Amino acid sequence: CLGYCLDLAKKYNHTVMAGRTHVVHAIPITFGYKAAVWADELGRDIERIEAMAPRVFVGEMSGAVGTLASQPEKGLETQKRMMEILGLGVPTIAWHVARDSQAEFASVLALCAGTLGRINHEILTLQRTEILELEEPFFMGKVGSSTMPHKRNPAVLENVLALCRNVRSIAPSIVESMVSENERDWGCFLSEWEAIPRACHMLGCALEKSKNILKNLIVYPKHMERNLFAQKGLMMSECVMMHLARKLGRMTAHSIVYKSCMEAYEKEIPLKDVLMHTPEVTAAFTEDEIDHMLNPHTYIGLAPEFVDRVVEKWAKTC
């Protein structure tokens, strides 16, 4: 998944799209930037898995209460050889009732499921008919509905979201199993034996499906371009305000642009029309300068540079 996100980041590094905060348009980003954010989070998940391995993948063979009382002479030697055969770490001391490793493992799986869930939910959101900037892989013969032939439902995305939700729901029960009694408690074992394998299976399935989605993701740059202008220039209010602030001050500029934006929003007219009838704006800027400030392609900040940083950081991991 990380590799495919990096591929998307590089390919669409300069493909401008609407950035959204609180589910509404904010300021422009690039799709490459969005994919790079996904990649960076996936990279951290890989680091978490690798970092927990020495703590979590440790075996156990130490007798009834963990003291190796029945094997005082060869116990440690046998234990070490057994762990070598199994490819596990040798425990410093018995962990019959110390279930923090199992809790850490389940929690890291839940974090990974959270990352996959967020990425797939973002694609799902951007596949909405009214937006349609992204779409899960499609092939002729894939049927979305038995009664509505036009439907191209995000069925695989929904499947992944369900799997990830179930993985995340397991972590609290494994953390709860940390509260065990004395030197051995079967109650925690029974919970873990059922839940941890199930979490692994579901996350593995979610990863396989996510790999296919990201590898064959359908991207609609034309729709991204169209949606940049859905609010008739309102997305560029920050850019206008920052330019005006240099001449009139930050708070004055905000007040002027705010009133202009609310008028444009409520009347559903282009922001430029309002700005061109605002004396404070026309006194400070020409029409060409206003057009430049309202062009979303000129206001993506350091998005491409951030993409380059992410690609450089994680390329070797793949």
Protein backbone atom coordinates (compact mmCIF):
# COMPACT_ATOMS: atom_id res chain seq x y z
CA CYS A 1 0.00 0.00 0.00
CA LEU A 2 2.82 2.40 0.83
CA GLY A 3 4.41 1.92 -2.58
CA TYR A 4 1.18 2.56 -4.45
CA CYS A 5 0.54 5.72 -2.42
CA LEU A 6 4.01 6.95 -3.27
CA ASP A 7 3.31 6.24 -6.95
CA LEU A 8 0.13 8.32 -6.73
CA ALA A 9 1.98 11.10 -4.92
CA LYS A 10 4.62 11.33 -7.63
CA LYS A 11 2.21 11.02 -10.55
CA TYR A 12 -0.21 13.66 -9.30
CA ASN A 13 2.25 15.92 -7.51
CA HIS A 14 1.05 18.96 -9.49
CA THR A 15 -2.61 17.98 -10.02
CA VAL A 16 -4.49 20.71 -8.18
CA MET A 17 -7.66 19.84 -6.28
CA ALA A 18 -9.79 21.32 -3.55
CA GLY A 19 -8.45 20.97 -0.05
CA ARG A 20 -11.27 20.41 2.41
CA THR A 21 -11.61 21.08 6.12
CA HIS A 22 -14.73 20.21 8.11
CA VAL A 23 -16.01 18.57 4.86
CA VAL A 24 -16.19 21.88 2.96
CA HIS A 25 -13.77 23.61 0.58
CA ALA A 26 -10.78 25.26 2.26
CA ILE A 27 -7.82 26.15 0.00
CA PRO A 28 -6.22 24.24 -2.89
CA ILE A 29 -3.87 21.29 -2.49
CA THR A 30 -2.67 18.71 -5.00
CA PHE A 31 -3.82 15.15 -5.17
CA GLY A 32 -0.19 14.14 -4.89
CA TYR A 33 -0.06 15.96 -1.56
CA LYS A 34 -3.10 14.04 -0.29
CA ALA A 35 -1.58 10.72 -1.37
CA ALA A 36 1.72 11.70 0.28
CA VAL A 37 -0.08 12.25 3.59
CA TRP A 38 -1.49 8.72 3.21
CA ALA A 39 1.99 7.36 2.46
CA ASP A 40 3.59 9.06 5.44
CA GLU A 41 1.02 7.58 7.81
CA LEU A 42 1.43 4.11 6.30
CA GLY A 43 5.18 4.47 6.74
CA ARG A 44 4.75 5.24 10.43
CA ASP A 45 2.56 2.15 10.78
CA ILE A 46 5.35 0.05 9.30
CA GLU A 47 7.75 1.58 11.81
CA ARG A 48 5.35 0.74 14.65
CA ILE A 49 5.13 -2.89 13.57
CA GLU A 50 8.90 -3.17 13.28
CA ALA A 51 9.48 -1.41 16.60
CA MET A 52 7.13 -3.66 18.54
CA ALA A 53 8.57 -6.91 17.16
CA PRO A 54 11.34 -7.37 19.79
CA ARG A 55 8.82 -6.82 22.59
CA VAL A 56 5.88 -8.72 21.19
CA PHE A 57 7.32 -11.72 19.38
CA VAL A 58 8.74 -13.35 22.49
CA GLY A 59 8.01 -16.98 23.34
CA GLU A 60 7.06 -18.62 26.61
CA MET A 61 8.10 -21.90 28.22
CA SER A 62 8.61 -21.68 31.92
CA GLY A 63 6.41 -24.15 33.77
CA ALA A 64 3.29 -23.75 35.89
CA VAL A 65 4.00 -20.38 37.50
CA GLY A 66 6.98 -19.36 35.38
CA THR A 67 9.86 -20.45 37.61
CA LEU A 68 10.99 -23.54 35.63
CA ALA A 69 10.88 -25.43 38.93
CA SER A 70 10.47 -28.78 37.13
CA GLN A 71 13.62 -28.19 35.02
CA PRO A 72 16.19 -26.51 37.28
CA GLU A 73 19.23 -27.83 35.42
CA LYS A 74 18.40 -27.65 31.69
CA GLY A 75 15.39 -25.34 31.80
CA LEU A 76 17.00 -22.17 30.49
CA GLU A 77 18.96 -24.07 27.86
CA THR A 78 15.81 -25.84 26.66
CA GLN A 79 13.89 -22.58 26.65
CA LYS A 80 16.54 -20.85 24.55
CA ARG A 81 16.74 -23.71 22.05
CA MET A 82 12.96 -23.82 21.73
CA MET A 83 12.80 -20.09 20.94
CA GLU A 84 15.55 -20.43 18.36
CA ILE A 85 13.57 -23.15 16.59
CA LEU A 86 10.38 -21.06 16.68
CA GLY A 87 12.14 -17.83 15.65
CA LEU A 88 10.99 -16.02 18.79
CA GLY A 89 12.74 -13.93 21.38
CA VAL A 90 13.73 -15.48 24.72
CA PRO A 91 11.72 -14.04 27.63
CA THR A 92 13.58 -12.34 30.47
CA ILE A 93 10.96 -13.70 32.84
CA ALA A 94 7.62 -15.45 32.43
CA TRP A 95 4.72 -13.40 31.08
CA HIS A 96 1.80 -15.72 31.89
CA VAL A 97 -0.24 -12.88 33.34
CA ALA A 98 1.65 -9.93 31.85
CA ARG A 99 -0.48 -9.42 28.72
CA ASP A 100 0.92 -6.06 27.65
CA SER A 101 2.55 -7.57 24.56
CA GLN A 102 -0.74 -8.96 23.31
CA ALA A 103 -2.40 -5.65 24.06
CA GLU A 104 0.32 -3.77 22.18
CA PHE A 105 -0.01 -6.09 19.20
CA ALA A 106 -3.79 -5.67 19.03
CA SER A 107 -3.47 -1.93 19.49
CA VAL A 108 -0.94 -1.59 16.67
CA LEU A 109 -3.23 -3.63 14.42
CA ALA A 110 -6.03 -1.23 15.36
CA LEU A 111 -3.83 1.75 14.44
CA CYS A 112 -3.07 0.17 11.08
CA ALA A 113 -6.78 -0.45 10.59
CA GLY A 114 -7.40 3.19 11.44
CA THR A 115 -4.98 4.30 8.73
CA LEU A 116 -6.50 2.00 6.12
CA GLY A 117 -9.97 3.01 7.21
CA ARG A 118 -9.20 6.70 6.82
CA ILE A 119 -7.66 6.28 3.37
CA ASN A 120 -10.50 4.14 2.08
CA HIS A 121 -13.12 6.41 3.62
CA GLU A 122 -11.51 9.41 1.91
CA ILE A 123 -11.70 7.64 -1.45
CA LEU A 124 -15.30 6.68 -0.69
CA THR A 125 -16.18 10.30 0.06
CA LEU A 126 -14.51 11.55 -3.10
CA GLN A 127 -16.42 8.96 -5.16
CA ARG A 128 -19.74 10.65 -4.37
CA THR A 129 -21.63 11.48 -7.56
CA GLU A 130 -21.51 15.21 -6.81
CA ILE A 131 -17.71 15.10 -6.38
CA LEU A 132 -16.36 12.08 -8.32
CA GLU A 133 -12.69 12.94 -8.09
CA LEU A 134 -11.68 9.37 -7.26
CA GLU A 135 -13.26 5.96 -7.85
CA GLU A 136 -12.43 2.44 -6.80
CA PRO A 137 -11.30 0.13 -9.63
CA PHE A 138 -13.99 -0.73 -12.16
CA PHE A 139 -14.22 -3.33 -14.91
CA MET A 140 -16.96 -4.17 -17.38
CA GLY A 141 -19.21 -6.79 -15.86
CA LYS A 142 -18.98 -5.38 -12.34
CA VAL A 143 -22.64 -4.90 -11.39
CA GLY A 144 -23.64 -2.43 -8.70
CA SER A 145 -27.37 -3.10 -8.56
CA SER A 146 -29.84 -5.66 -9.84
CA THR A 147 -32.42 -2.93 -10.53
CA MET A 148 -30.30 0.15 -11.37
CA PRO A 149 -27.89 -0.72 -14.20
CA HIS A 150 -26.10 2.64 -13.97
CA LYS A 151 -24.77 2.01 -10.45
CA ARG A 152 -20.99 1.86 -9.91
CA ASN A 153 -21.08 1.32 -6.19
CA PRO A 154 -17.94 1.53 -3.99
CA ALA A 155 -18.54 -2.03 -2.79
CA VAL A 156 -14.89 -2.92 -2.20
CA LEU A 157 -14.28 0.29 -0.27
CA GLU A 158 -17.28 -0.47 1.92
CA ASN A 159 -15.93 -3.97 2.47
CA VAL A 160 -12.56 -2.61 3.61
CA LEU A 161 -14.23 -0.10 5.91
CA ALA A 162 -16.21 -2.89 7.59
CA LEU A 163 -13.10 -5.03 8.03
CA CYS A 164 -11.11 -2.16 9.52
CA ARG A 165 -13.95 -1.23 11.85
CA ASN A 166 -14.04 -4.78 13.18
CA VAL A 167 -10.26 -4.87 13.68
CA ARG A 168 -10.39 -1.66 15.70
CA SER A 169 -13.23 -3.01 17.83
CA ILE A 170 -11.04 -5.93 18.98
CA ALA A 171 -8.28 -3.84 20.57
CA PRO A 172 -10.29 -2.71 23.64
CA SER A 173 -11.13 -6.31 24.58
CA ILE A 174 -7.47 -7.34 24.42
CA VAL A 175 -6.43 -4.35 26.52
CA GLU A 176 -9.14 -5.35 28.99
CA SER A 177 -7.59 -8.83 29.19
CA MET A 178 -4.47 -7.28 30.73
CA VAL A 179 -6.27 -7.39 34.06
CA SER A 180 -5.50 -11.00 35.00
CA GLU A 181 -4.98 -12.69 38.35
CA ASN A 182 -2.06 -14.20 40.23
CA GLU A 183 0.41 -16.26 38.18
CA ARG A 184 -1.96 -17.64 35.56
CA ASP A 185 -5.47 -16.73 34.39
CA TRP A 186 -7.21 -18.58 31.58
CA GLY A 187 -9.75 -15.79 31.15
CA CYS A 188 -7.30 -13.59 29.25
CA PHE A 189 -6.00 -16.50 27.15
CA LEU A 190 -9.45 -17.44 25.92
CA SER A 191 -10.22 -13.89 24.80
CA GLU A 192 -6.91 -13.56 22.98
CA TRP A 193 -7.03 -16.94 21.25
CA GLU A 194 -10.30 -16.02 19.56
CA ALA A 195 -9.82 -12.32 18.91
CA ILE A 196 -6.18 -11.84 17.88
CA PRO A 197 -6.21 -14.35 14.98
CA ARG A 198 -9.48 -12.83 13.78
CA ALA A 199 -7.95 -9.35 13.84
CA CYS A 200 -4.96 -10.60 11.82
CA HIS A 201 -7.16 -12.27 9.22
CA MET A 202 -9.40 -9.24 8.79
CA LEU A 203 -6.53 -6.76 8.60
CA GLY A 204 -4.74 -8.99 6.10
CA CYS A 205 -7.85 -9.05 3.94
CA ALA A 206 -8.24 -5.27 4.25
CA LEU A 207 -4.62 -4.80 3.17
CA GLU A 208 -5.01 -7.00 0.10
CA LYS A 209 -8.15 -5.18 -0.99
CA SER A 210 -6.56 -1.78 -0.29
CA LYS A 211 -3.51 -2.69 -2.38
CA ASN A 212 -5.76 -3.38 -5.37
CA ILE A 213 -7.74 -0.19 -4.81
CA LEU A 214 -4.63 2.01 -4.61
CA LYS A 215 -2.86 0.24 -7.47
CA ASN A 216 -5.82 0.60 -9.85
CA LEU A 217 -7.43 3.73 -8.42
CA ILE A 218 -9.39 5.74 -10.99
CA VAL A 219 -8.42 9.41 -10.77
CA TYR A 220 -10.42 12.19 -12.46
CA PRO A 221 -8.20 15.28 -12.82
CA LYS A 222 -10.88 17.02 -14.91
CA HIS A 223 -13.37 16.66 -12.09
CA MET A 224 -10.82 17.97 -9.62
CA GLU A 225 -10.35 20.99 -11.86
CA ARG A 226 -14.11 21.49 -12.17
CA ASN A 227 -14.64 21.31 -8.42
CA LEU A 228 -11.99 23.96 -7.81
CA PHE A 229 -14.48 26.52 -9.13
CA ALA A 230 -17.65 25.08 -7.58
CA GLN A 231 -17.87 28.01 -5.16
CA LYS A 232 -17.08 30.63 -7.78
CA GLY A 233 -13.83 31.80 -6.23
CA LEU A 234 -14.67 31.58 -2.53
CA MET A 235 -11.92 29.02 -2.03
CA MET A 236 -9.40 31.76 -2.68
CA SER A 237 -10.57 34.08 0.08
CA GLU A 238 -7.43 33.48 2.15
CA CYS A 239 -5.22 34.41 -0.78
CA VAL A 240 -7.17 37.62 -1.36
CA MET A 241 -7.12 38.47 2.33
CA MET A 242 -3.37 37.91 2.67
CA HIS A 243 -2.67 40.21 -0.27
CA LEU A 244 -5.03 42.88 1.04
CA ALA A 245 -3.57 42.58 4.56
CA ARG A 246 -0.20 43.83 3.35
CA LYS A 247 -1.81 47.17 2.51
CA LEU A 248 -4.68 47.49 4.98
CA GLY A 249 -3.70 45.31 7.93
CA ARG A 250 -4.75 41.78 8.83
CA MET A 251 -8.00 42.45 10.71
CA THR A 252 -9.27 45.10 8.27
CA ALA A 253 -8.55 42.81 5.34
CA HIS A 254 -10.35 39.90 7.01
CA SER A 255 -13.42 42.02 7.64
CA ILE A 256 -13.58 43.27 4.05
CA VAL A 257 -13.06 39.84 2.48
CA TYR A 258 -15.45 38.18 4.94
CA LYS A 259 -18.29 40.54 4.00
CA SER A 260 -17.50 40.07 0.32
CA CYS A 261 -17.51 36.29 0.65
CA MET A 262 -20.79 36.18 2.56
CA GLU A 263 -22.43 38.33 -0.10
CA ALA A 264 -21.09 36.11 -2.89
CA TYR A 265 -22.12 32.96 -1.01
CA GLU A 266 -25.68 34.05 -0.28
CA LYS A 267 -26.29 35.53 -3.72
CA GLU A 268 -24.50 32.59 -5.40
CA ILE A 269 -22.45 34.91 -7.56
CA PRO A 270 -18.69 34.93 -8.34
CA LEU A 271 -16.50 36.40 -5.62
CA LYS A 272 -14.76 38.45 -8.30
CA ASP A 273 -17.99 40.33 -9.04
CA VAL A 274 -18.25 41.39 -5.42
CA LEU A 275 -14.56 42.29 -5.13
CA MET A 276 -14.74 44.43 -8.26
CA HIS A 277 -17.46 46.48 -6.56
CA THR A 278 -15.57 46.81 -3.29
CA PRO A 279 -13.73 50.17 -3.24
CA GLU A 280 -11.03 49.08 -0.76
CA VAL A 281 -10.10 46.17 -3.07
CA THR A 282 -10.19 48.02 -6.38
CA ALA A 283 -8.15 50.82 -4.87
CA ALA A 284 -5.41 48.37 -3.97
CA PHE A 285 -5.44 45.92 -6.92
CA THR A 286 -6.01 45.86 -10.65
CA GLU A 287 -8.43 43.40 -12.25
CA ASP A 288 -5.52 41.28 -13.49
CA GLU A 289 -4.14 41.11 -9.96
CA ILE A 290 -7.52 40.06 -8.62
CA ASP A 291 -7.75 37.36 -11.31
CA HIS A 292 -4.34 36.10 -10.26
CA MET A 293 -5.36 35.95 -6.61
CA LEU A 294 -8.50 33.99 -7.54
CA ASN A 295 -6.56 31.40 -9.55
CA PRO A 296 -6.31 28.22 -7.43
CA HIS A 297 -3.29 26.99 -9.38
CA THR A 298 -1.21 29.83 -7.93
CA TYR A 299 -1.93 28.97 -4.30
CA ILE A 300 -0.78 25.42 -3.54
CA GLY A 301 2.01 26.54 -1.24
CA LEU A 302 4.78 24.00 -0.74
CA ALA A 303 2.61 20.98 -1.55
CA PRO A 304 5.00 19.63 -4.25
CA GLU A 305 8.00 20.06 -1.96
CA PHE A 306 6.26 18.16 0.82
CA VAL A 307 5.52 15.35 -1.63
CA ASP A 308 9.20 15.18 -2.53
CA ARG A 309 10.13 14.94 1.15
CA VAL A 310 7.73 12.05 1.74
CA VAL A 311 8.90 10.19 -1.35
CA GLU A 312 12.53 10.61 -0.33
CA LYS A 313 11.81 9.41 3.21
CA TRP A 314 9.91 6.23 2.38
CA ALA A 315 11.08 5.17 -1.09
CA LYS A 316 13.62 2.71 0.31
CA THR A 317 11.01 1.14 2.59
CA CYS A 318 9.21 -0.19 -0.47
